[in-house]
Amino acid sequence: MSREDDGSMLAYVQQVQENKVFRVGEHVRFPAHGGTSRISH
């Protein structure tokens, strides 16, 4: 689950990548490329 800047909550799912760990409360980005978005630091 992700709390957006406007307070709404969204769920995102993506394939696990080695050495990519996301922690509760961490700010992330959702860049989009050709209709596909990936969560990144």
C-alpha atoms as a PDB file:
ATOM      1  CA  MET A   1       0.000   0.000   0.000  1.00  0.00           C
ATOM      2  CA  SER A   2       1.139   3.507  -0.734  1.00  0.00           C
ATOM      3  CA  ARG A   3      -0.210   6.722   0.727  1.00  0.00           C
ATOM      4  CA  GLU A   4      -0.235   9.336  -2.003  1.00  0.00           C
ATOM      5  CA  ASP A   5       0.523  13.030  -1.370  1.00  0.00           C
ATOM      6  CA  ASP A   6      -3.223  13.758  -1.494  1.00  0.00           C
ATOM      7  CA  GLY A   7      -3.869  11.173   1.277  1.00  0.00           C
ATOM      8  CA  SER A   8      -5.369   8.462  -0.940  1.00  0.00           C
ATOM      9  CA  MET A   9      -4.136   4.854  -0.616  1.00  0.00           C
ATOM     10  CA  LEU A  10      -3.103   2.703  -3.598  1.00  0.00           C
ATOM     11  CA  ALA A  11      -1.652  -0.813  -3.881  1.00  0.00           C
ATOM     12  CA  TYR A  12       1.188  -1.566  -6.318  1.00  0.00           C
ATOM     13  CA  VAL A  13       2.616  -4.952  -7.322  1.00  0.00           C
ATOM     14  CA  GLN A  14       5.822  -5.633  -9.195  1.00  0.00           C
ATOM     15  CA  GLN A  15       8.328  -8.410  -9.743  1.00  0.00           C
ATOM     16  CA  VAL A  16      11.016  -8.800  -7.049  1.00  0.00           C
ATOM     17  CA  GLN A  17      14.438  -7.464  -7.996  1.00  0.00           C
ATOM     18  CA  GLU A  18      17.642  -8.467  -6.203  1.00  0.00           C
ATOM     19  CA  ASN A  19      19.137  -5.727  -3.984  1.00  0.00           C
ATOM     20  CA  LYS A  20      15.903  -3.664  -4.142  1.00  0.00           C
ATOM     21  CA  VAL A  21      14.404  -3.317  -0.665  1.00  0.00           C
ATOM     22  CA  PHE A  22      11.563  -0.926   0.135  1.00  0.00           C
ATOM     23  CA  ARG A  23      10.876   0.000   3.751  1.00  0.00           C
ATOM     24  CA  VAL A  24       7.706   1.256   5.439  1.00  0.00           C
ATOM     25  CA  GLY A  25       7.555   5.064   5.306  1.00  0.00           C
ATOM     26  CA  GLU A  26      10.159   5.351   2.544  1.00  0.00           C
ATOM     27  CA  HIS A  27       9.456   7.866  -0.248  1.00  0.00           C
ATOM     28  CA  VAL A  28       9.476   6.290  -3.707  1.00  0.00           C
ATOM     29  CA  ARG A  29       8.917   7.358  -7.320  1.00  0.00           C
ATOM     30  CA  PHE A  30       6.634   5.812  -9.940  1.00  0.00           C
ATOM     31  CA  PRO A  31       8.231   6.656 -13.301  1.00  0.00           C
ATOM     32  CA  ALA A  32       6.193   5.554 -16.331  1.00  0.00           C
ATOM     33  CA  HIS A  33       7.667   4.435 -19.658  1.00  0.00           C
ATOM     34  CA  GLY A  34       5.367   3.418 -22.505  1.00  0.00           C
ATOM     35  CA  GLY A  35       2.403   2.602 -20.284  1.00  0.00           C
ATOM     36  CA  THR A  36       4.464   0.623 -17.732  1.00  0.00           C
ATOM     37  CA  SER A  37       5.381   1.984 -14.306  1.00  0.00           C
ATOM     38  CA  ARG A  38       8.084   0.693 -11.961  1.00  0.00           C
ATOM     39  CA  ILE A  39       8.555   1.659  -8.319  1.00  0.00           C
ATOM     40  CA  SER A  40      12.030   3.097  -7.670  1.00  0.00           C
ATOM     41  CA  HIS A  41      13.963   4.964  -5.013  1.00  0.00           C
END
